[in-house]
Amino acid sequence: HRIKIGPAITWAHSVLRLPDFNICQCFFGEHLLAAYPQRKVMI
């Protein structure tokens, strides 16, 4: 299970301290859609 007590989640762009970072999230695993065009997608 994910630890939910204390600071146990953060973002890579925050850790890397990238200036003026404009985050626009996508699905985790989205890069696999083109590799498996026939598979049913479970979200």
PDB file of all heavy atoms in Angstrom:
ATOM      1  N   HIS A   1       0.826  -1.201   0.000  1.00  0.00           N
ATOM      2  CA  HIS A   1       0.000   0.000   0.000  1.00  0.00           C
ATOM      3  C   HIS A   1       0.861   1.251   0.000  1.00  0.00           C
ATOM      4  O   HIS A   1       1.960   1.252   0.570  1.00  0.00           O
ATOM      5  CB  HIS A   1      -0.926   0.022   1.223  1.00  0.00           C
ATOM      6  CG  HIS A   1      -1.987  -1.024   1.175  1.00  0.00           C
ATOM      7  ND1 HIS A   1      -2.657  -1.454   2.306  1.00  0.00           N
ATOM      8  CD2 HIS A   1      -2.502  -1.734   0.145  1.00  0.00           C
ATOM      9  CE1 HIS A   1      -3.543  -2.380   1.975  1.00  0.00           C
ATOM     10  NE2 HIS A   1      -3.460  -2.565   0.657  1.00  0.00           N
ATOM     11  N   ARG A   2       0.339   2.281  -0.617  1.00  0.00           N
ATOM     12  CA  ARG A   2       1.044   3.554  -0.584  1.00  0.00           C
ATOM     13  C   ARG A   2       0.993   4.129   0.816  1.00  0.00           C
ATOM     14  O   ARG A   2      -0.050   4.116   1.469  1.00  0.00           O
ATOM     15  CB  ARG A   2       0.409   4.528  -1.580  1.00  0.00           C
ATOM     16  CG  ARG A   2       1.068   5.903  -1.584  1.00  0.00           C
ATOM     17  CD  ARG A   2       0.517   6.761  -2.713  1.00  0.00           C
ATOM     18  NE  ARG A   2      -0.883   7.095  -2.524  1.00  0.00           N
ATOM     19  CZ  ARG A   2      -1.306   8.144  -1.808  1.00  0.00           C
ATOM     20  NH1 ARG A   2      -0.424   8.899  -1.169  1.00  0.00           N
ATOM     21  NH2 ARG A   2      -2.590   8.401  -1.712  1.00  0.00           N
ATOM     22  N   ILE A   3       2.119   4.634   1.284  1.00  0.00           N
ATOM     23  CA  ILE A   3       2.177   5.250   2.602  1.00  0.00           C
ATOM     24  C   ILE A   3       1.539   6.634   2.524  1.00  0.00           C
ATOM     25  O   ILE A   3       1.964   7.482   1.731  1.00  0.00           O
ATOM     26  CB  ILE A   3       3.634   5.341   3.097  1.00  0.00           C
ATOM     27  CG1 ILE A   3       4.196   3.921   3.304  1.00  0.00           C
ATOM     28  CG2 ILE A   3       3.717   6.148   4.385  1.00  0.00           C
ATOM     29  CD1 ILE A   3       5.630   3.900   3.742  1.00  0.00           C
ATOM     30  N   LYS A   4       0.505   6.852   3.324  1.00  0.00           N
ATOM     31  CA  LYS A   4      -0.260   8.093   3.263  1.00  0.00           C
ATOM     32  C   LYS A   4       0.012   9.017   4.441  1.00  0.00           C
ATOM     33  O   LYS A   4      -0.623  10.058   4.580  1.00  0.00           O
ATOM     34  CB  LYS A   4      -1.756   7.770   3.193  1.00  0.00           C
ATOM     35  CG  LYS A   4      -2.135   6.938   1.976  1.00  0.00           C
ATOM     36  CD  LYS A   4      -3.617   6.651   1.921  1.00  0.00           C
ATOM     37  CE  LYS A   4      -3.980   5.815   0.703  1.00  0.00           C
ATOM     38  NZ  LYS A   4      -5.429   5.525   0.628  1.00  0.00           N
ATOM     39  N   ILE A   5       0.944   8.620   5.299  1.00  0.00           N
ATOM     40  CA  ILE A   5       1.297   9.452   6.459  1.00  0.00           C
ATOM     41  C   ILE A   5       2.564  10.226   6.116  1.00  0.00           C
ATOM     42  O   ILE A   5       3.587   9.633   5.750  1.00  0.00           O
ATOM     43  CB  ILE A   5       1.513   8.590   7.712  1.00  0.00           C
ATOM     44  CG1 ILE A   5       0.243   7.805   8.047  1.00  0.00           C
ATOM     45  CG2 ILE A   5       1.935   9.465   8.894  1.00  0.00           C
ATOM     46  CD1 ILE A   5       0.407   6.871   9.220  1.00  0.00           C
ATOM     47  N   GLY A   6       2.501  11.548   6.263  1.00  0.00           N
ATOM     48  CA  GLY A   6       3.669  12.360   5.973  1.00  0.00           C
ATOM     49  C   GLY A   6       3.837  12.604   4.488  1.00  0.00           C
ATOM     50  O   GLY A   6       3.047  12.159   3.653  1.00  0.00           O
ATOM     51  N   PRO A   7       4.898  13.314   4.109  1.00  0.00           N
ATOM     52  CA  PRO A   7       5.149  13.616   2.693  1.00  0.00           C
ATOM     53  C   PRO A   7       5.693  12.392   1.961  1.00  0.00           C
ATOM     54  O   PRO A   7       6.905  12.178   1.894  1.00  0.00           O
ATOM     55  CB  PRO A   7       6.183  14.744   2.768  1.00  0.00           C
ATOM     56  CG  PRO A   7       6.916  14.498   4.046  1.00  0.00           C
ATOM     57  CD  PRO A   7       5.913  13.909   5.004  1.00  0.00           C
ATOM     58  N   ALA A   8       4.807  11.580   1.406  1.00  0.00           N
ATOM     59  CA  ALA A   8       5.225  10.346   0.732  1.00  0.00           C
ATOM     60  C   ALA A   8       4.809  10.327  -0.726  1.00  0.00           C
ATOM     61  O   ALA A   8       4.737   9.263  -1.339  1.00  0.00           O
ATOM     62  CB  ALA A   8       4.652   9.135   1.463  1.00  0.00           C
ATOM     63  N   ILE A   9       4.547  11.496  -1.284  1.00  0.00           N
ATOM     64  CA  ILE A   9       4.222  11.593  -2.712  1.00  0.00           C
ATOM     65  C   ILE A   9       4.651  12.967  -3.207  1.00  0.00           C
ATOM     66  O   ILE A   9       4.464  13.977  -2.511  1.00  0.00           O
ATOM     67  CB  ILE A   9       2.715  11.358  -2.970  1.00  0.00           C
ATOM     68  CG1 ILE A   9       2.411  11.422  -4.463  1.00  0.00           C
ATOM     69  CG2 ILE A   9       1.868  12.352  -2.202  1.00  0.00           C
ATOM     70  CD1 ILE A   9       0.988  10.998  -4.808  1.00  0.00           C
ATOM     71  N   THR A  10       5.268  13.015  -4.375  1.00  0.00           N
ATOM     72  CA  THR A  10       5.687  14.283  -4.963  1.00  0.00           C
ATOM     73  C   THR A  10       5.830  14.086  -6.470  1.00  0.00           C
ATOM     74  O   THR A  10       5.567  13.004  -6.991  1.00  0.00           O
ATOM     75  CB  THR A  10       7.008  14.790  -4.346  1.00  0.00           C
ATOM     76  OG1 THR A  10       7.271  16.110  -4.826  1.00  0.00           O
ATOM     77  CG2 THR A  10       8.173  13.878  -4.702  1.00  0.00           C
ATOM     78  N   TRP A  11       6.256  15.155  -7.159  1.00  0.00           N
ATOM     79  CA  TRP A  11       6.331  15.134  -8.618  1.00  0.00           C
ATOM     80  C   TRP A  11       7.771  15.294  -9.069  1.00  0.00           C
ATOM     81  O   TRP A  11       8.559  16.005  -8.445  1.00  0.00           O
ATOM     82  CB  TRP A  11       5.482  16.248  -9.215  1.00  0.00           C
ATOM     83  CG  TRP A  11       4.037  16.111  -8.904  1.00  0.00           C
ATOM     84  CD1 TRP A  11       3.359  16.695  -7.875  1.00  0.00           C
ATOM     85  CD2 TRP A  11       3.070  15.310  -9.603  1.00  0.00           C
ATOM     86  NE1 TRP A  11       2.034  16.328  -7.899  1.00  0.00           N
ATOM     87  CE2 TRP A  11       1.835  15.477  -8.951  1.00  0.00           C
ATOM     88  CE3 TRP A  11       3.148  14.495 -10.724  1.00  0.00           C
ATOM     89  CZ2 TRP A  11       0.680  14.846  -9.375  1.00  0.00           C
ATOM     90  CZ3 TRP A  11       1.994  13.856 -11.157  1.00  0.00           C
ATOM     91  CH2 TRP A  11       0.777  14.038 -10.491  1.00  0.00           C
ATOM     92  N   ALA A  12       8.096  14.666 -10.201  1.00  0.00           N
ATOM     93  CA  ALA A  12       9.459  14.702 -10.718  1.00  0.00           C
ATOM     94  C   ALA A  12       9.877  16.123 -11.071  1.00  0.00           C
ATOM     95  O   ALA A  12      11.017  16.521 -10.803  1.00  0.00           O
ATOM     96  CB  ALA A  12       9.577  13.795 -11.938  1.00  0.00           C
ATOM     97  N   HIS A  13       8.976  16.911 -11.660  1.00  0.00           N
ATOM     98  CA  HIS A  13       9.361  18.267 -12.046  1.00  0.00           C
ATOM     99  C   HIS A  13       9.631  19.142 -10.822  1.00  0.00           C
ATOM    100  O   HIS A  13      10.405  20.100 -10.914  1.00  0.00           O
ATOM    101  CB  HIS A  13       8.293  18.903 -12.939  1.00  0.00           C
ATOM    102  CG  HIS A  13       6.949  19.028 -12.293  1.00  0.00           C
ATOM    103  ND1 HIS A  13       5.998  18.033 -12.315  1.00  0.00           N
ATOM    104  CD2 HIS A  13       6.387  20.046 -11.585  1.00  0.00           C
ATOM    105  CE1 HIS A  13       4.922  18.425 -11.682  1.00  0.00           C
ATOM    106  NE2 HIS A  13       5.129  19.642 -11.229  1.00  0.00           N
ATOM    107  N   SER A  14       8.996  18.793  -9.684  1.00  0.00           N
ATOM    108  CA  SER A  14       9.279  19.530  -8.453  1.00  0.00           C
ATOM    109  C   SER A  14      10.634  19.130  -7.885  1.00  0.00           C
ATOM    110  O   SER A  14      11.405  19.988  -7.435  1.00  0.00           O
ATOM    111  CB  SER A  14       8.179  19.276  -7.415  1.00  0.00           C
ATOM    112  OG  SER A  14       6.924  19.730  -7.878  1.00  0.00           O
ATOM    113  N   VAL A  15      10.930  17.833  -7.909  1.00  0.00           N
ATOM    114  CA  VAL A  15      12.215  17.351  -7.403  1.00  0.00           C
ATOM    115  C   VAL A  15      13.356  17.898  -8.256  1.00  0.00           C
ATOM    116  O   VAL A  15      14.417  18.279  -7.735  1.00  0.00           O
ATOM    117  CB  VAL A  15      12.244  15.811  -7.389  1.00  0.00           C
ATOM    118  CG1 VAL A  15      13.617  15.291  -6.988  1.00  0.00           C
ATOM    119  CG2 VAL A  15      11.190  15.272  -6.434  1.00  0.00           C
ATOM    120  N   LEU A  16      13.145  17.964  -9.573  1.00  0.00           N
ATOM    121  CA  LEU A  16      14.179  18.469 -10.479  1.00  0.00           C
ATOM    122  C   LEU A  16      14.265  19.995 -10.462  1.00  0.00           C
ATOM    123  O   LEU A  16      15.179  20.557 -11.067  1.00  0.00           O
ATOM    124  CB  LEU A  16      13.901  17.981 -11.902  1.00  0.00           C
ATOM    125  CG  LEU A  16      13.978  16.471 -12.117  1.00  0.00           C
ATOM    126  CD1 LEU A  16      13.497  16.104 -13.520  1.00  0.00           C
ATOM    127  CD2 LEU A  16      15.395  15.961 -11.886  1.00  0.00           C
ATOM    128  N   ARG A  17      13.303  20.637  -9.816  1.00  0.00           N
ATOM    129  CA  ARG A  17      13.270  22.103  -9.701  1.00  0.00           C
ATOM    130  C   ARG A  17      13.314  22.769 -11.080  1.00  0.00           C
ATOM    131  O   ARG A  17      14.102  23.694 -11.325  1.00  0.00           O
ATOM    132  CB  ARG A  17      14.418  22.595  -8.829  1.00  0.00           C
ATOM    133  CG  ARG A  17      14.351  22.075  -7.395  1.00  0.00           C
ATOM    134  CD  ARG A  17      15.482  22.605  -6.549  1.00  0.00           C
ATOM    135  NE  ARG A  17      15.395  22.109  -5.177  1.00  0.00           N
ATOM    136  CZ  ARG A  17      16.285  22.403  -4.222  1.00  0.00           C
ATOM    137  NH1 ARG A  17      17.310  23.207  -4.489  1.00  0.00           N
ATOM    138  NH2 ARG A  17      16.133  21.906  -3.011  1.00  0.00           N
ATOM    139  N   LEU A  18      12.456  22.295 -11.956  1.00  0.00           N
ATOM    140  CA  LEU A  18      12.388  22.864 -13.288  1.00  0.00           C
ATOM    141  C   LEU A  18      11.599  24.172 -13.233  1.00  0.00           C
ATOM    142  O   LEU A  18      10.458  24.202 -12.770  1.00  0.00           O
ATOM    143  CB  LEU A  18      11.714  21.882 -14.244  1.00  0.00           C
ATOM    144  CG  LEU A  18      12.436  20.531 -14.410  1.00  0.00           C
ATOM    145  CD1 LEU A  18      11.656  19.619 -15.336  1.00  0.00           C
ATOM    146  CD2 LEU A  18      13.848  20.737 -14.923  1.00  0.00           C
ATOM    147  N   PRO A  19      12.184  25.276 -13.685  1.00  0.00           N
ATOM    148  CA  PRO A  19      11.511  26.588 -13.564  1.00  0.00           C
ATOM    149  C   PRO A  19      10.336  26.720 -14.531  1.00  0.00           C
ATOM    150  O   PRO A  19      10.380  26.213 -15.658  1.00  0.00           O
ATOM    151  CB  PRO A  19      12.637  27.581 -13.909  1.00  0.00           C
ATOM    152  CG  PRO A  19      13.558  26.810 -14.810  1.00  0.00           C
ATOM    153  CD  PRO A  19      13.508  25.379 -14.326  1.00  0.00           C
ATOM    154  N   ASP A  20       9.288  27.406 -14.062  1.00  0.00           N
ATOM    155  CA  ASP A  20       8.112  27.722 -14.892  1.00  0.00           C
ATOM    156  C   ASP A  20       7.550  26.484 -15.572  1.00  0.00           C
ATOM    157  O   ASP A  20       7.161  26.524 -16.746  1.00  0.00           O
ATOM    158  CB  ASP A  20       8.465  28.779 -15.942  1.00  0.00           C
ATOM    159  CG  ASP A  20       8.949  30.083 -15.313  1.00  0.00           C
ATOM    160  OD1 ASP A  20       8.416  30.457 -14.261  1.00  0.00           O
ATOM    161  OD2 ASP A  20       9.869  30.702 -15.877  1.00  0.00           O
ATOM    162  N   PHE A  21       7.499  25.376 -14.847  1.00  0.00           N
ATOM    163  CA  PHE A  21       7.018  24.125 -15.436  1.00  0.00           C
ATOM    164  C   PHE A  21       5.498  24.145 -15.494  1.00  0.00           C
ATOM    165  O   PHE A  21       4.818  24.321 -14.485  1.00  0.00           O
ATOM    166  CB  PHE A  21       7.483  22.926 -14.601  1.00  0.00           C
ATOM    167  CG  PHE A  21       7.325  21.602 -15.304  1.00  0.00           C
ATOM    168  CD1 PHE A  21       8.336  21.104 -16.112  1.00  0.00           C
ATOM    169  CD2 PHE A  21       6.164  20.854 -15.175  1.00  0.00           C
ATOM    170  CE1 PHE A  21       8.208  19.889 -16.763  1.00  0.00           C
ATOM    171  CE2 PHE A  21       6.016  19.646 -15.823  1.00  0.00           C
ATOM    172  CZ  PHE A  21       7.036  19.161 -16.620  1.00  0.00           C
ATOM    173  N   ASN A  22       4.951  23.958 -16.691  1.00  0.00           N
ATOM    174  CA  ASN A  22       3.501  23.930 -16.894  1.00  0.00           C
ATOM    175  C   ASN A  22       3.074  22.475 -17.087  1.00  0.00           C
ATOM    176  O   ASN A  22       3.196  21.916 -18.178  1.00  0.00           O
ATOM    177  CB  ASN A  22       3.112  24.768 -18.110  1.00  0.00           C
ATOM    178  CG  ASN A  22       1.606  24.811 -18.308  1.00  0.00           C
ATOM    179  OD1 ASN A  22       0.833  24.746 -17.348  1.00  0.00           O
ATOM    180  ND2 ASN A  22       1.176  24.895 -19.551  1.00  0.00           N
ATOM    181  N   ILE A  23       2.587  21.855 -16.029  1.00  0.00           N
ATOM    182  CA  ILE A  23       2.233  20.438 -16.073  1.00  0.00           C
ATOM    183  C   ILE A  23       0.889  20.242 -16.767  1.00  0.00           C
ATOM    184  O   ILE A  23      -0.069  20.977 -16.521  1.00  0.00           O
ATOM    185  CB  ILE A  23       2.205  19.831 -14.660  1.00  0.00           C
ATOM    186  CG1 ILE A  23       1.862  18.336 -14.723  1.00  0.00           C
ATOM    187  CG2 ILE A  23       1.244  20.564 -13.755  1.00  0.00           C
ATOM    188  CD1 ILE A  23       1.957  17.633 -13.376  1.00  0.00           C
ATOM    189  N   CYS A  24       0.841  19.273 -17.650  1.00  0.00           N
ATOM    190  CA  CYS A  24      -0.394  18.854 -18.310  1.00  0.00           C
ATOM    191  C   CYS A  24      -0.365  17.325 -18.313  1.00  0.00           C
ATOM    192  O   CYS A  24       0.276  16.706 -19.164  1.00  0.00           O
ATOM    193  CB  CYS A  24      -0.474  19.421 -19.723  1.00  0.00           C
ATOM    194  SG  CYS A  24      -2.015  19.022 -20.573  1.00  0.00           S
ATOM    195  N   GLN A  25      -1.070  16.722 -17.367  1.00  0.00           N
ATOM    196  CA  GLN A  25      -0.955  15.288 -17.159  1.00  0.00           C
ATOM    197  C   GLN A  25      -1.566  14.478 -18.302  1.00  0.00           C
ATOM    198  O   GLN A  25      -2.482  14.926 -18.989  1.00  0.00           O
ATOM    199  CB  GLN A  25      -1.632  14.892 -15.842  1.00  0.00           C
ATOM    200  CG  GLN A  25      -0.981  15.447 -14.598  1.00  0.00           C
ATOM    201  CD  GLN A  25      -1.552  14.828 -13.353  1.00  0.00           C
ATOM    202  OE1 GLN A  25      -1.429  13.631 -13.108  1.00  0.00           O
ATOM    203  NE2 GLN A  25      -2.201  15.646 -12.540  1.00  0.00           N
ATOM    204  N   CYS A  26      -1.023  13.270 -18.473  1.00  0.00           N
ATOM    205  CA  CYS A  26      -1.600  12.299 -19.389  1.00  0.00           C
ATOM    206  C   CYS A  26      -1.761  10.987 -18.630  1.00  0.00           C
ATOM    207  O   CYS A  26      -1.350  10.860 -17.474  1.00  0.00           O
ATOM    208  CB  CYS A  26      -0.724  12.107 -20.630  1.00  0.00           C
ATOM    209  SG  CYS A  26       0.873  11.317 -20.303  1.00  0.00           S
ATOM    210  N   PHE A  27      -2.363   9.991 -19.261  1.00  0.00           N
ATOM    211  CA  PHE A  27      -2.561   8.705 -18.606  1.00  0.00           C
ATOM    212  C   PHE A  27      -1.224   8.001 -18.375  1.00  0.00           C
ATOM    213  O   PHE A  27      -0.330   8.044 -19.229  1.00  0.00           O
ATOM    214  CB  PHE A  27      -3.455   7.789 -19.459  1.00  0.00           C
ATOM    215  CG  PHE A  27      -4.876   8.242 -19.532  1.00  0.00           C
ATOM    216  CD1 PHE A  27      -5.343   8.932 -20.638  1.00  0.00           C
ATOM    217  CD2 PHE A  27      -5.760   7.980 -18.496  1.00  0.00           C
ATOM    218  CE1 PHE A  27      -6.656   9.341 -20.723  1.00  0.00           C
ATOM    219  CE2 PHE A  27      -7.075   8.394 -18.563  1.00  0.00           C
ATOM    220  CZ  PHE A  27      -7.528   9.083 -19.670  1.00  0.00           C
ATOM    221  N   PHE A  28      -1.104   7.364 -17.233  1.00  0.00           N
ATOM    222  CA  PHE A  28       0.037   6.492 -16.999  1.00  0.00           C
ATOM    223  C   PHE A  28      -0.124   5.266 -17.894  1.00  0.00           C
ATOM    224  O   PHE A  28      -1.133   4.580 -17.841  1.00  0.00           O
ATOM    225  CB  PHE A  28       0.081   6.069 -15.524  1.00  0.00           C
ATOM    226  CG  PHE A  28       1.088   4.989 -15.238  1.00  0.00           C
ATOM    227  CD1 PHE A  28       2.455   5.241 -15.293  1.00  0.00           C
ATOM    228  CD2 PHE A  28       0.672   3.699 -14.909  1.00  0.00           C
ATOM    229  CE1 PHE A  28       3.374   4.244 -15.029  1.00  0.00           C
ATOM    230  CE2 PHE A  28       1.583   2.698 -14.641  1.00  0.00           C
ATOM    231  CZ  PHE A  28       2.933   2.971 -14.713  1.00  0.00           C
ATOM    232  N   GLY A  29       0.866   5.044 -18.761  1.00  0.00           N
ATOM    233  CA  GLY A  29       0.791   3.956 -19.725  1.00  0.00           C
ATOM    234  C   GLY A  29       0.295   4.390 -21.090  1.00  0.00           C
ATOM    235  O   GLY A  29       0.148   3.556 -21.981  1.00  0.00           O
ATOM    236  N   GLU A  30       0.063   5.692 -21.283  1.00  0.00           N
ATOM    237  CA  GLU A  30      -0.487   6.177 -22.556  1.00  0.00           C
ATOM    238  C   GLU A  30       0.435   5.858 -23.731  1.00  0.00           C
ATOM    239  O   GLU A  30      -0.032   5.643 -24.863  1.00  0.00           O
ATOM    240  CB  GLU A  30      -0.732   7.682 -22.478  1.00  0.00           C
ATOM    241  CG  GLU A  30      -1.359   8.288 -23.725  1.00  0.00           C
ATOM    242  CD  GLU A  30      -1.649   9.770 -23.584  1.00  0.00           C
ATOM    243  OE1 GLU A  30      -2.247  10.161 -22.558  1.00  0.00           O
ATOM    244  OE2 GLU A  30      -1.268  10.524 -24.501  1.00  0.00           O
ATOM    245  N   HIS A  31       1.738   5.800 -23.498  1.00  0.00           N
ATOM    246  CA  HIS A  31       2.680   5.541 -24.584  1.00  0.00           C
ATOM    247  C   HIS A  31       2.520   4.147 -25.183  1.00  0.00           C
ATOM    248  O   HIS A  31       3.052   3.864 -26.259  1.00  0.00           O
ATOM    249  CB  HIS A  31       4.123   5.710 -24.079  1.00  0.00           C
ATOM    250  CG  HIS A  31       4.512   4.753 -22.994  1.00  0.00           C
ATOM    251  ND1 HIS A  31       4.053   4.875 -21.696  1.00  0.00           N
ATOM    252  CD2 HIS A  31       5.297   3.648 -23.005  1.00  0.00           C
ATOM    253  CE1 HIS A  31       4.560   3.904 -20.958  1.00  0.00           C
ATOM    254  NE2 HIS A  31       5.307   3.147 -21.728  1.00  0.00           N
ATOM    255  N   LEU A  32       1.738   3.270 -24.517  1.00  0.00           N
ATOM    256  CA  LEU A  32       1.536   1.905 -25.013  1.00  0.00           C
ATOM    257  C   LEU A  32       0.330   1.781 -25.940  1.00  0.00           C
ATOM    258  O   LEU A  32       0.122   0.717 -26.526  1.00  0.00           O
ATOM    259  CB  LEU A  32       1.365   0.951 -23.821  1.00  0.00           C
ATOM    260  CG  LEU A  32       2.561   0.860 -22.859  1.00  0.00           C
ATOM    261  CD1 LEU A  32       2.206  -0.003 -21.665  1.00  0.00           C
ATOM    262  CD2 LEU A  32       3.788   0.324 -23.573  1.00  0.00           C
ATOM    263  N   LEU A  33      -0.471   2.826 -26.065  1.00  0.00           N
ATOM    264  CA  LEU A  33      -1.678   2.744 -26.886  1.00  0.00           C
ATOM    265  C   LEU A  33      -1.351   2.392 -28.336  1.00  0.00           C
ATOM    266  O   LEU A  33      -2.028   1.560 -28.955  1.00  0.00           O
ATOM    267  CB  LEU A  33      -2.447   4.060 -26.819  1.00  0.00           C
ATOM    268  CG  LEU A  33      -3.231   4.322 -25.535  1.00  0.00           C
ATOM    269  CD1 LEU A  33      -3.701   5.770 -25.474  1.00  0.00           C
ATOM    270  CD2 LEU A  33      -4.422   3.375 -25.425  1.00  0.00           C
ATOM    271  N   ALA A  34      -0.325   3.005 -28.893  1.00  0.00           N
ATOM    272  CA  ALA A  34       0.025   2.739 -30.287  1.00  0.00           C
ATOM    273  C   ALA A  34       0.600   1.338 -30.464  1.00  0.00           C
ATOM    274  O   ALA A  34       0.438   0.728 -31.527  1.00  0.00           O
ATOM    275  CB  ALA A  34       1.024   3.782 -30.784  1.00  0.00           C
ATOM    276  N   ALA A  35       1.254   0.815 -29.428  1.00  0.00           N
ATOM    277  CA  ALA A  35       1.872  -0.507 -29.528  1.00  0.00           C
ATOM    278  C   ALA A  35       0.840  -1.621 -29.469  1.00  0.00           C
ATOM    279  O   ALA A  35       1.096  -2.729 -29.971  1.00  0.00           O
ATOM    280  CB  ALA A  35       2.908  -0.680 -28.415  1.00  0.00           C
ATOM    281  N   TYR A  36      -0.324  -1.366 -28.862  1.00  0.00           N
ATOM    282  CA  TYR A  36      -1.367  -2.389 -28.730  1.00  0.00           C
ATOM    283  C   TYR A  36      -2.700  -1.816 -29.221  1.00  0.00           C
ATOM    284  O   TYR A  36      -3.610  -1.576 -28.426  1.00  0.00           O
ATOM    285  CB  TYR A  36      -1.473  -2.849 -27.278  1.00  0.00           C
ATOM    286  CG  TYR A  36      -0.176  -3.405 -26.730  1.00  0.00           C
ATOM    287  CD1 TYR A  36       0.672  -2.621 -25.939  1.00  0.00           C
ATOM    288  CD2 TYR A  36       0.209  -4.716 -27.003  1.00  0.00           C
ATOM    289  CE1 TYR A  36       1.864  -3.130 -25.444  1.00  0.00           C
ATOM    290  CE2 TYR A  36       1.399  -5.230 -26.501  1.00  0.00           C
ATOM    291  CZ  TYR A  36       2.220  -4.431 -25.739  1.00  0.00           C
ATOM    292  OH  TYR A  36       3.400  -4.942 -25.256  1.00  0.00           O
ATOM    293  N   PRO A  37      -2.833  -1.612 -30.522  1.00  0.00           N
ATOM    294  CA  PRO A  37      -4.037  -0.934 -31.047  1.00  0.00           C
ATOM    295  C   PRO A  37      -5.307  -1.756 -30.929  1.00  0.00           C
ATOM    296  O   PRO A  37      -6.403  -1.190 -30.985  1.00  0.00           O
ATOM    297  CB  PRO A  37      -3.676  -0.675 -32.512  1.00  0.00           C
ATOM    298  CG  PRO A  37      -2.666  -1.729 -32.844  1.00  0.00           C
ATOM    299  CD  PRO A  37      -1.885  -1.947 -31.593  1.00  0.00           C
ATOM    300  N   GLN A  38      -5.220  -3.083 -30.777  1.00  0.00           N
ATOM    301  CA  GLN A  38      -6.404  -3.933 -30.756  1.00  0.00           C
ATOM    302  C   GLN A  38      -6.880  -4.260 -29.339  1.00  0.00           C
ATOM    303  O   GLN A  38      -7.962  -4.808 -29.179  1.00  0.00           O
ATOM    304  CB  GLN A  38      -6.121  -5.239 -31.516  1.00  0.00           C
ATOM    305  CG  GLN A  38      -5.697  -5.029 -32.967  1.00  0.00           C
ATOM    306  CD  GLN A  38      -6.709  -4.250 -33.768  1.00  0.00           C
ATOM    307  OE1 GLN A  38      -7.922  -4.434 -33.612  1.00  0.00           O
ATOM    308  NE2 GLN A  38      -6.226  -3.378 -34.645  1.00  0.00           N
ATOM    309  N   ARG A  39      -6.082  -3.976 -28.350  1.00  0.00           N
ATOM    310  CA  ARG A  39      -6.456  -4.365 -26.986  1.00  0.00           C
ATOM    311  C   ARG A  39      -7.515  -3.432 -26.402  1.00  0.00           C
ATOM    312  O   ARG A  39      -7.485  -2.222 -26.611  1.00  0.00           O
ATOM    313  CB  ARG A  39      -5.233  -4.377 -26.071  1.00  0.00           C
ATOM    314  CG  ARG A  39      -4.257  -5.502 -26.356  1.00  0.00           C
ATOM    315  CD  ARG A  39      -3.200  -5.590 -25.282  1.00  0.00           C
ATOM    316  NE  ARG A  39      -2.227  -6.622 -25.585  1.00  0.00           N
ATOM    317  CZ  ARG A  39      -1.187  -6.921 -24.813  1.00  0.00           C
ATOM    318  NH1 ARG A  39      -0.990  -6.242 -23.685  1.00  0.00           N
ATOM    319  NH2 ARG A  39      -0.341  -7.870 -25.146  1.00  0.00           N
ATOM    320  N   LYS A  40      -8.417  -4.026 -25.655  1.00  0.00           N
ATOM    321  CA  LYS A  40      -9.395  -3.230 -24.923  1.00  0.00           C
ATOM    322  C   LYS A  40      -8.673  -2.493 -23.800  1.00  0.00           C
ATOM    323  O   LYS A  40      -7.803  -3.040 -23.128  1.00  0.00           O
ATOM    324  CB  LYS A  40     -10.485  -4.128 -24.340  1.00  0.00           C
ATOM    325  CG  LYS A  40     -11.628  -3.356 -23.720  1.00  0.00           C
ATOM    326  CD  LYS A  40     -12.807  -4.258 -23.427  1.00  0.00           C
ATOM    327  CE  LYS A  40     -14.022  -3.458 -22.981  1.00  0.00           C
ATOM    328  NZ  LYS A  40     -15.214  -4.303 -22.823  1.00  0.00           N
ATOM    329  N   VAL A  41      -9.039  -1.244 -23.604  1.00  0.00           N
ATOM    330  CA  VAL A  41      -8.357  -0.393 -22.636  1.00  0.00           C
ATOM    331  C   VAL A  41      -9.120  -0.405 -21.313  1.00  0.00           C
ATOM    332  O   VAL A  41     -10.324  -0.136 -21.275  1.00  0.00           O
ATOM    333  CB  VAL A  41      -8.238   1.049 -23.156  1.00  0.00           C
ATOM    334  CG1 VAL A  41      -7.551   1.937 -22.124  1.00  0.00           C
ATOM    335  CG2 VAL A  41      -7.463   1.071 -24.474  1.00  0.00           C
ATOM    336  N   MET A  42      -8.421  -0.723 -20.256  1.00  0.00           N
ATOM    337  CA  MET A  42      -8.985  -0.698 -18.906  1.00  0.00           C
ATOM    338  C   MET A  42      -8.445   0.541 -18.198  1.00  0.00           C
ATOM    339  O   MET A  42      -7.226   0.684 -18.039  1.00  0.00           O
ATOM    340  CB  MET A  42      -8.591  -1.955 -18.132  1.00  0.00           C
ATOM    341  CG  MET A  42      -8.801  -3.254 -18.906  1.00  0.00           C
ATOM    342  SD  MET A  42     -10.530  -3.698 -19.054  1.00  0.00           S
ATOM    343  CE  MET A  42     -10.719  -4.812 -17.677  1.00  0.00           C
ATOM    344  N   ILE A  43      -9.317   1.437 -17.781  1.00  0.00           N
ATOM    345  CA  ILE A  43      -8.916   2.654 -17.076  1.00  0.00           C
ATOM    346  C   ILE A  43      -9.156   2.454 -15.582  1.00  0.00           C
ATOM    347  O   ILE A  43     -10.285   2.181 -15.162  1.00  0.00           O
ATOM    348  CB  ILE A  43      -9.694   3.881 -17.558  1.00  0.00           C
ATOM    349  CG1 ILE A  43      -9.577   4.035 -19.079  1.00  0.00           C
ATOM    350  CG2 ILE A  43      -9.193   5.130 -16.859  1.00  0.00           C
ATOM    351  CD1 ILE A  43      -8.230   4.408 -19.570  1.00  0.00           C
TER     352      ILE A  43
END
